[in-house]
N, C-alpha and C. Protein backbone atom coordinates (compact mmCIF):
# COMPACT_ATOMS: atom_id res chain seq x y z
N MET A 1 0.53 -1.43 0.01
CA MET A 1 -0.05 -0.10 0.06
C MET A 1 1.13 1.17 -0.14
N ARG A 2 0.08 2.48 -0.49
CA ARG A 2 1.64 3.27 -0.79
C ARG A 2 0.99 4.09 0.31
N ALA A 3 1.62 5.08 0.72
CA ALA A 3 1.32 6.09 1.07
C ALA A 3 0.37 7.41 0.69
N GLY A 4 -0.77 7.95 1.96
CA GLY A 4 -1.98 8.66 0.46
C GLY A 4 -1.84 9.83 1.79
N GLY A 5 -1.85 10.74 1.32
CA GLY A 5 -2.41 12.14 1.93
C GLY A 5 -0.63 12.55 2.81
N ALA A 6 -1.16 14.18 3.31
CA ALA A 6 -0.03 14.66 3.76
C ALA A 6 0.17 14.02 5.52
N SER A 7 2.15 14.25 5.41
CA SER A 7 2.14 14.12 6.63
C SER A 7 2.89 15.40 7.28
N GLY A 8 2.80 15.45 8.58
CA GLY A 8 3.57 16.68 9.35
C GLY A 8 4.89 16.37 9.88
N TRP A 9 5.64 17.00 9.62
CA TRP A 9 6.76 16.88 10.63
C TRP A 9 7.66 18.15 11.11
N ASP A 10 8.33 18.04 11.74
CA ASP A 10 9.63 18.98 12.49
C ASP A 10 10.79 18.62 13.07
N TYR A 11 11.35 20.20 12.89
CA TYR A 11 12.60 19.49 13.04
C TYR A 11 13.31 20.92 14.10
N TYR A 12 13.86 20.67 14.82
CA TYR A 12 14.78 21.82 15.91
C TYR A 12 16.45 22.03 15.12
N VAL A 13 16.79 22.80 14.96
CA VAL A 13 18.61 23.10 14.50
C VAL A 13 18.48 24.15 15.47
N PRO A 14 20.35 24.09 15.50
CA PRO A 14 21.16 24.98 16.02
C PRO A 14 20.89 26.56 15.84
N TYR A 15 20.48 28.19 16.42
CA TYR A 15 20.14 29.15 15.28
C TYR A 15 21.47 29.12 14.42
N GLN A 16 20.98 29.62 13.86
CA GLN A 16 22.02 30.56 12.88
C GLN A 16 21.02 31.56 12.02
N GLU A 17 21.10 33.48 12.08
CA GLU A 17 21.31 33.66 11.27
C GLU A 17 20.54 34.08 10.25
N ASP A 18 21.13 32.97 9.12
CA ASP A 18 21.00 33.20 7.93
C ASP A 18 19.85 32.08 7.88
N LEU A 19 18.55 32.44 8.20
CA LEU A 19 17.50 30.67 8.22
C LEU A 19 17.85 30.26 6.77
N ASN A 20 17.97 30.51 5.96
CA ASN A 20 17.88 29.56 4.19
C ASN A 20 19.16 28.91 4.36
N ALA A 21 19.94 29.72 4.94
CA ALA A 21 21.45 28.62 5.64
C ALA A 21 21.04 27.08 6.09
N ALA A 22 20.57 27.83 7.44
CA ALA A 22 19.87 27.08 8.49
C ALA A 22 19.02 25.76 7.77
N LEU A 23 18.29 25.99 7.12
CA LEU A 23 17.06 25.27 6.07
C LEU A 23 17.94 24.26 5.24
N GLN A 24 18.42 24.49 4.60
CA GLN A 24 19.37 23.82 3.59
C GLN A 24 20.60 22.50 4.04
N GLN A 25 21.04 23.51 5.45
CA GLN A 25 21.55 22.44 6.06
C GLN A 25 20.62 21.42 6.95
N LEU A 26 19.66 21.69 7.20
CA LEU A 26 19.04 20.74 7.57
C LEU A 26 18.73 19.51 6.37
N ARG A 27 18.20 19.73 4.92
CA ARG A 27 17.86 19.37 4.35
C ARG A 27 19.27 18.30 4.04
N ARG A 28 19.68 18.40 3.39
CA ARG A 28 20.96 17.94 3.52
C ARG A 28 21.50 17.22 4.75
N GLU A 29 21.43 17.25 5.89
CA GLU A 29 21.14 15.89 7.17
C GLU A 29 19.96 15.09 6.96
N VAL A 30 18.99 15.65 6.66
CA VAL A 30 17.93 14.74 6.19
C VAL A 30 18.33 13.77 5.12
N PHE A 31 18.18 14.19 4.85
CA PHE A 31 18.71 13.43 2.51
C PHE A 31 19.56 12.20 3.28
N GLU A 32 20.71 13.12 3.55
CA GLU A 32 22.16 11.72 3.90
C GLU A 32 21.43 10.89 5.35
N ALA A 33 20.54 10.97 5.61
CA ALA A 33 19.57 9.84 7.61
C ALA A 33 19.11 9.79 6.42
N GLY A 34 18.80 9.80 5.09
CA GLY A 34 17.41 8.76 4.45
C GLY A 34 16.20 8.53 5.12
N ASP A 35 16.22 9.89 5.80
CA ASP A 35 14.86 10.08 7.16
C ASP A 35 13.87 11.10 6.56
N TYR A 36 13.62 10.33 5.17
CA TYR A 36 12.33 10.72 3.92
C TYR A 36 11.25 9.36 3.87
N TYR A 37 10.09 9.81 3.41
CA TYR A 37 9.69 8.90 2.68
C TYR A 37 10.17 8.11 0.88
N TRP A 38 10.84 7.45 0.58
CA TRP A 38 10.77 7.23 -0.09
C TRP A 38 9.77 6.21 -1.75
N VAL A 39 9.00 6.76 -2.38
CA VAL A 39 7.87 6.12 -2.99
C VAL A 39 8.83 5.47 -3.69
N ASN A 40 9.93 5.21 -4.19
CA ASN A 40 10.68 4.09 -5.12
C ASN A 40 10.88 3.08 -4.44
N GLY A 41 10.81 3.07 -3.25
CA GLY A 41 11.22 1.40 -2.59
C GLY A 41 10.10 1.52 -1.49
N GLY A 42 9.50 1.79 -1.57
CA GLY A 42 7.87 1.44 -0.39
C GLY A 42 7.66 0.35 -0.56
N ASP A 43 6.89 -0.37 0.44
CA ASP A 43 6.50 -1.83 1.04
C ASP A 43 5.53 -1.82 -0.03
N TRP A 44 4.39 -0.73 -0.46
CA TRP A 44 3.38 -1.15 -1.39
C TRP A 44 3.95 -1.77 -2.88
N ARG A 45 5.46 -1.39 -2.76
CA ARG A 45 5.96 -2.20 -4.23
C ARG A 45 6.35 -3.19 -4.38
N PRO A 46 6.11 -4.46 -5.40
CA PRO A 46 7.42 -5.66 -4.95
C PRO A 46 8.51 -5.92 -4.62
N GLU A 47 9.12 -6.37 -4.27
CA GLU A 47 10.61 -5.98 -4.07
C GLU A 47 11.30 -5.73 -5.18
N GLU A 48 11.20 -6.65 -6.34
CA GLU A 48 11.62 -6.86 -7.32
C GLU A 48 12.25 -5.34 -8.28
N GLU A 49 11.16 -4.84 -7.91
CA GLU A 49 10.88 -3.45 -8.42
C GLU A 49 10.98 -2.17 -7.33
N ARG A 50 11.56 -2.41 -6.41
CA ARG A 50 11.90 -1.07 -5.80
C ARG A 50 13.49 -0.35 -5.95
N GLU A 51 12.85 0.78 -6.09
CA GLU A 51 14.46 0.73 -6.51
C GLU A 51 15.68 1.79 -5.43
N PRO A 52 16.61 1.82 -5.51
CA PRO A 52 18.01 1.87 -4.31
C PRO A 52 17.45 3.86 -3.97
N ARG A 53 17.52 3.81 -3.01
CA ARG A 53 17.66 5.61 -3.03
C ARG A 53 18.22 6.24 -3.79
N PRO A 54 18.22 7.66 -4.37
CA PRO A 54 18.72 8.82 -4.92
C PRO A 54 20.19 8.89 -4.62
N GLN A 55 21.52 9.05 -5.11
CA GLN A 55 22.82 9.74 -3.85
C GLN A 55 22.81 11.06 -3.86
N SER A 56 21.72 12.09 -4.75
CA SER A 56 22.45 13.18 -4.66
C SER A 56 20.75 13.97 -4.41
N LEU A 57 19.92 14.61 -4.06
CA LEU A 57 18.77 16.14 -3.67
C LEU A 57 18.37 16.36 -5.15
N GLU A 58 19.13 16.23 -6.01
CA GLU A 58 18.63 17.13 -7.78
C GLU A 58 18.39 15.36 -7.97
N GLU A 59 19.39 14.42 -7.68
CA GLU A 59 18.75 12.69 -8.43
C GLU A 59 17.18 12.87 -7.77
N LEU A 60 17.02 12.38 -6.21
CA LEU A 60 15.62 13.00 -5.81
C LEU A 60 14.47 13.76 -6.28
N TRP A 61 14.86 14.89 -7.08
CA TRP A 61 13.66 15.25 -7.36
C TRP A 61 13.86 15.47 -8.75
N GLU A 62 14.61 14.53 -9.60
CA GLU A 62 14.22 14.26 -10.84
C GLU A 62 13.57 13.58 -11.37
N ASP A 63 12.63 11.76 -10.51
CA ASP A 63 12.00 11.57 -9.71
C ASP A 63 10.57 12.19 -10.03
N GLU A 64 9.65 11.70 -11.22
CA GLU A 64 8.66 12.20 -11.85
C GLU A 64 7.43 11.96 -10.44
N LEU A 65 7.74 10.59 -9.41
CA LEU A 65 6.81 10.29 -8.66
C LEU A 65 7.31 10.71 -7.17
N VAL A 66 8.35 11.16 -7.01
CA VAL A 66 8.48 12.27 -5.62
C VAL A 66 8.39 13.83 -6.58
N GLN A 67 8.33 13.92 -7.61
CA GLN A 67 7.97 15.47 -7.98
C GLN A 67 5.84 15.55 -7.42
N GLU A 68 5.30 14.13 -8.33
CA GLU A 68 3.96 14.39 -7.63
C GLU A 68 3.70 13.76 -5.94
N THR A 69 4.20 13.24 -5.32
CA THR A 69 3.93 12.48 -3.86
C THR A 69 5.19 13.41 -2.69
N GLY A 70 5.93 13.62 -3.37
CA GLY A 70 7.08 14.14 -1.96
C GLY A 70 7.57 13.07 -1.42
N THR A 71 8.29 14.01 -0.18
CA THR A 71 8.84 13.10 0.40
C THR A 71 8.28 12.76 2.00
N HIS A 72 7.40 13.48 2.53
CA HIS A 72 6.96 14.12 3.78
C HIS A 72 7.61 14.18 4.32
N SER A 73 8.52 15.07 3.94
CA SER A 73 9.98 15.75 5.45
C SER A 73 9.78 17.14 4.52
N ILE A 74 10.66 17.35 5.58
CA ILE A 74 10.93 19.02 5.13
C ILE A 74 12.39 18.91 3.77
N LEU A 75 12.63 17.99 3.51
CA LEU A 75 13.29 17.91 1.83
C LEU A 75 12.10 18.76 0.68
N ASP A 76 10.54 18.35 0.90
CA ASP A 76 9.90 19.47 0.11
C ASP A 76 10.11 20.82 0.69
N ILE A 77 10.36 20.96 0.59
CA ILE A 77 10.68 23.15 1.08
C ILE A 77 11.93 23.18 1.13
N PHE A 78 11.48 23.99 -0.44
CA PHE A 78 13.64 24.17 -0.95
C PHE A 78 14.14 25.42 -0.81
N ARG A 79 13.17 26.47 0.34
CA ARG A 79 13.60 27.78 0.14
C ARG A 79 12.77 28.62 1.75
N VAL A 80 13.09 29.37 2.45
CA VAL A 80 13.07 30.22 3.27
C VAL A 80 12.53 31.41 2.49
N VAL A 81 11.56 31.90 2.68
CA VAL A 81 10.32 33.46 1.87
C VAL A 81 11.38 34.41 3.04
N GLY A 82 11.55 35.87 1.68
CA GLY A 82 11.81 36.92 2.50
C GLY A 82 10.51 37.66 2.73
N PRO A 83 11.34 38.47 3.99
CA PRO A 83 9.14 39.32 4.19
C PRO A 83 8.60 40.07 3.42
N ASP A 84 9.33 40.60 2.33
CA ASP A 84 8.38 41.03 1.33
C ASP A 84 7.61 39.81 0.30
N ASP A 85 7.97 38.67 0.57
CA ASP A 85 7.56 37.22 -0.70
C ASP A 85 6.53 37.05 -0.74
N THR A 86 5.60 36.46 -1.40
CA THR A 86 4.06 35.86 -0.94
C THR A 86 4.75 34.10 -0.90
N PRO A 87 4.73 33.67 0.56
CA PRO A 87 4.59 32.30 0.44
C PRO A 87 3.78 31.36 -0.74
N ASP A 88 4.89 30.27 -1.45
CA ASP A 88 4.25 29.17 -2.45
C ASP A 88 4.92 28.20 -1.79
N TYR A 89 4.21 26.70 -3.00
CA TYR A 89 4.73 25.85 -2.55
C TYR A 89 6.09 25.50 -3.03
N ASN A 90 6.23 24.67 -1.64
CA ASN A 90 7.82 24.23 -1.43
C ASN A 90 8.96 25.48 -0.76
N THR A 91 7.75 25.64 -0.07
CA THR A 91 8.30 27.50 0.70
C THR A 91 8.38 26.92 2.34
N VAL A 92 9.56 27.87 3.18
CA VAL A 92 8.87 27.82 4.33
C VAL A 92 8.50 29.25 5.01
N GLU A 93 8.31 29.80 5.90
CA GLU A 93 7.13 30.99 5.79
C GLU A 93 7.89 31.84 7.56
N PRO A 94 8.56 32.33 7.82
CA PRO A 94 8.88 32.24 9.09
C PRO A 94 8.29 33.60 9.51
N VAL A 95 8.16 32.89 11.49
CA VAL A 95 6.74 33.50 11.91
C VAL A 95 7.45 34.60 12.29
N THR A 96 6.63 36.17 11.78
CA THR A 96 6.84 36.76 12.11
C THR A 96 7.00 37.91 13.67
N ALA A 97 7.74 38.83 13.67
CA ALA A 97 7.51 39.66 15.53
C ALA A 97 6.24 39.42 15.93
N GLU A 98 5.41 40.66 14.97
CA GLU A 98 4.28 40.75 14.79
C GLU A 98 2.90 39.51 15.27
N GLU A 99 3.41 38.72 14.02
CA GLU A 99 2.59 37.14 14.20
C GLU A 99 2.77 36.86 15.59
N ALA A 100 4.20 36.93 16.51
CA ALA A 100 4.09 36.16 17.82
C ALA A 100 3.70 37.11 18.33
N ARG A 101 3.68 38.23 18.42
CA ARG A 101 3.24 38.90 19.72
C ARG A 101 1.86 39.16 20.03
N GLU A 102 1.00 38.80 18.11
CA GLU A 102 -0.93 39.13 18.22
C GLU A 102 -1.24 37.90 18.73
N LEU A 103 -0.59 36.23 18.37
CA LEU A 103 -1.15 35.34 18.50
C LEU A 103 -0.56 35.09 19.94
N LEU A 104 0.76 35.21 20.14
CA LEU A 104 0.87 34.03 21.65
C LEU A 104 1.46 35.36 22.38
N GLY A 105 1.74 37.01 22.64
CA GLY A 105 1.75 37.33 23.35
C GLY A 105 3.10 37.93 23.36
N THR A 106 3.80 37.42 22.89
CA THR A 106 5.47 38.18 23.01
C THR A 106 6.09 37.25 21.72
N ASP A 107 7.36 38.23 21.47
CA ASP A 107 8.55 37.82 20.34
C ASP A 107 9.67 37.54 20.61
N LYS A 108 9.66 36.63 21.61
CA LYS A 108 10.33 35.49 22.25
C LYS A 108 10.31 34.72 22.20
N LEU A 109 10.18 33.93 21.01
CA LEU A 109 9.53 33.17 21.33
C LEU A 109 10.39 31.83 21.92
N THR A 110 10.03 30.63 22.52
CA THR A 110 10.78 29.13 23.15
C THR A 110 10.06 28.13 23.00
N ARG A 111 10.73 27.13 23.36
CA ARG A 111 10.49 25.60 23.45
C ARG A 111 8.86 25.38 24.25
N ALA A 112 8.82 26.49 24.77
CA ALA A 112 7.15 26.34 26.13
C ALA A 112 5.91 26.56 24.68
N HIS A 113 6.75 27.53 23.85
CA HIS A 113 5.53 28.08 23.43
C HIS A 113 5.61 27.11 21.83
N VAL A 114 6.09 26.26 21.50
CA VAL A 114 5.58 24.93 20.29
C VAL A 114 4.40 24.72 20.34
N LYS A 115 4.21 23.98 21.74
CA LYS A 115 2.73 23.40 21.84
C LYS A 115 1.15 24.27 21.28
N ASP A 116 1.68 25.78 21.81
CA ASP A 116 0.75 26.90 20.64
C ASP A 116 0.52 27.06 19.53
N PHE A 117 1.48 26.51 18.71
CA PHE A 117 2.23 26.59 17.31
C PHE A 117 1.05 27.01 15.97
N ASP A 118 0.07 25.89 16.62
CA ASP A 118 -0.91 25.47 15.99
C ASP A 118 -1.66 26.88 15.71
N VAL A 119 -1.46 28.24 16.18
CA VAL A 119 -2.71 29.51 15.98
C VAL A 119 -1.94 29.82 14.69
N PHE A 120 -0.96 29.37 13.81
CA PHE A 120 -0.19 30.06 13.84
C PHE A 120 -0.86 29.55 11.68
N PRO A 121 -0.53 30.15 11.17
CA PRO A 121 -1.53 30.24 9.65
C PRO A 121 -0.81 29.32 9.30
N ARG A 122 -1.18 28.59 8.10
CA ARG A 122 -0.34 27.41 7.33
C ARG A 122 -0.64 27.10 6.43
N SER A 123 0.01 26.11 5.33
CA SER A 123 -0.90 25.83 4.65
C SER A 123 -0.21 24.74 3.85
N ARG A 124 -0.89 23.46 3.41
CA ARG A 124 0.20 22.11 2.69
C ARG A 124 1.35 22.53 1.75
N TRP A 125 1.86 21.73 2.02
CA TRP A 125 3.22 22.11 0.88
C TRP A 125 3.93 23.09 1.32
N ILE A 126 3.80 24.38 1.98
CA ILE A 126 4.17 25.25 2.81
C ILE A 126 4.90 25.55 4.59
N GLY A 127 5.53 25.52 4.31
CA GLY A 127 6.75 25.15 6.03
C GLY A 127 6.14 26.72 6.84
N ARG A 128 6.86 25.92 8.02
CA ARG A 128 6.66 27.78 8.72
C ARG A 128 7.82 27.13 10.06
N CYS A 129 8.74 28.44 10.22
CA CYS A 129 9.52 28.55 11.17
C CYS A 129 9.79 29.85 11.69
N ALA A 130 10.53 29.83 13.21
CA ALA A 130 10.07 29.85 13.82
C ALA A 130 11.56 30.16 14.85
N VAL A 131 12.40 31.12 15.56
CA VAL A 131 13.77 31.39 16.33
C VAL A 131 13.15 31.63 17.32
N LEU A 132 13.41 30.43 18.30
CA LEU A 132 13.63 30.26 19.52
C LEU A 132 14.35 30.65 20.69
N HIS A 133 14.25 31.37 21.67
CA HIS A 133 15.07 31.87 22.39
C HIS A 133 14.80 30.83 23.71
N ASP A 134 16.63 31.42 24.30
CA ASP A 134 16.94 30.86 25.56
C ASP A 134 15.82 31.60 26.83
N ASP A 135 16.41 31.30 28.40
CA ASP A 135 15.10 32.08 29.23
C ASP A 135 15.62 33.29 29.73
N GLU A 136 17.03 33.80 28.86
CA GLU A 136 17.58 35.21 28.85
C GLU A 136 17.29 35.72 27.28
N GLY A 137 16.44 35.74 27.23
CA GLY A 137 15.56 36.01 25.31
C GLY A 137 16.92 35.74 24.45
N ASN A 138 17.84 34.92 24.65
CA ASN A 138 18.65 35.10 23.05
C ASN A 138 18.10 34.28 22.13
N PRO A 139 18.78 33.93 21.03
CA PRO A 139 18.22 33.18 19.77
C PRO A 139 19.10 31.59 20.19
N GLN A 140 18.58 30.97 20.56
CA GLN A 140 18.91 29.65 20.55
C GLN A 140 19.45 28.15 19.66
N GLU A 141 17.87 28.75 18.55
CA GLU A 141 17.50 27.06 18.60
C GLU A 141 16.29 27.84 17.09
N ILE A 142 16.37 27.10 15.91
CA ILE A 142 15.16 27.38 14.96
C ILE A 142 14.32 26.36 14.97
N HIS A 143 13.03 25.99 15.04
CA HIS A 143 11.94 25.68 14.84
C HIS A 143 11.35 24.96 12.77
N PHE A 144 10.91 24.29 12.04
CA PHE A 144 11.22 24.35 11.28
C PHE A 144 9.67 23.25 11.70
N TRP A 145 8.53 23.60 11.49
CA TRP A 145 7.62 22.65 10.95
C TRP A 145 6.86 23.19 9.18
N GLY A 146 5.38 21.68 9.43
CA GLY A 146 4.48 22.04 8.49
C GLY A 146 4.59 20.14 8.01
N HIS A 147 3.41 20.73 7.25
CA HIS A 147 3.03 19.16 6.12
C HIS A 147 3.27 19.48 5.04
N SER A 148 3.65 18.22 4.29
CA SER A 148 3.46 17.74 2.93
C SER A 148 3.26 16.32 2.52
N GLY A 149 3.16 16.24 1.25
CA GLY A 149 3.69 14.87 0.76
C GLY A 149 1.86 14.39 0.32
N ASP A 150 1.04 13.35 -1.06
CA ASP A 150 0.37 13.03 -1.00
C ASP A 150 0.41 11.94 -1.41
C-alpha cells in the first residue's frame, strides 16, 4: 500500500542568523540520514521493483513520482521566503515578530510556546519556521514545521 495524504513534520536546528542556510543544512542532513519517504522503495511495491535511494537531492527531485508525492519531510521545502515574498509551494515562511506578539503575546518565542504553534496560519506544502529563544531571550534554535506529501 502506498502512503496517502500529507504527513506532518518538525525539526529543531541550532540557531543561525541566515534561516535559508539553516534550512539547506537541515535538508542535507535529512537526505543523508535517509529520514524521508522514498516512494520508489516503498513496501507497497513488489521487492523486485523497489529502487535504491537516490545519491543526491537533485537525483531525488528528477523522479516524477517524488515530484507528485513528495518525501513527507523537510526535503519538500526548497527555500525560506523573505518578508516581502508571498509564500508558495515548497517554501517556508518565518513567523514574524508581529505575528508572534499578536497570537502568543511575545516576540521571544521559546520551546514552551511550540505546543501552541497551531495558532499560526499554514498550508500544505508550505512550511513555517520560528526562532526559539533561551531563558535570557537570546536566539537558541530554529524550529521548522509543516505538512507535505500526497
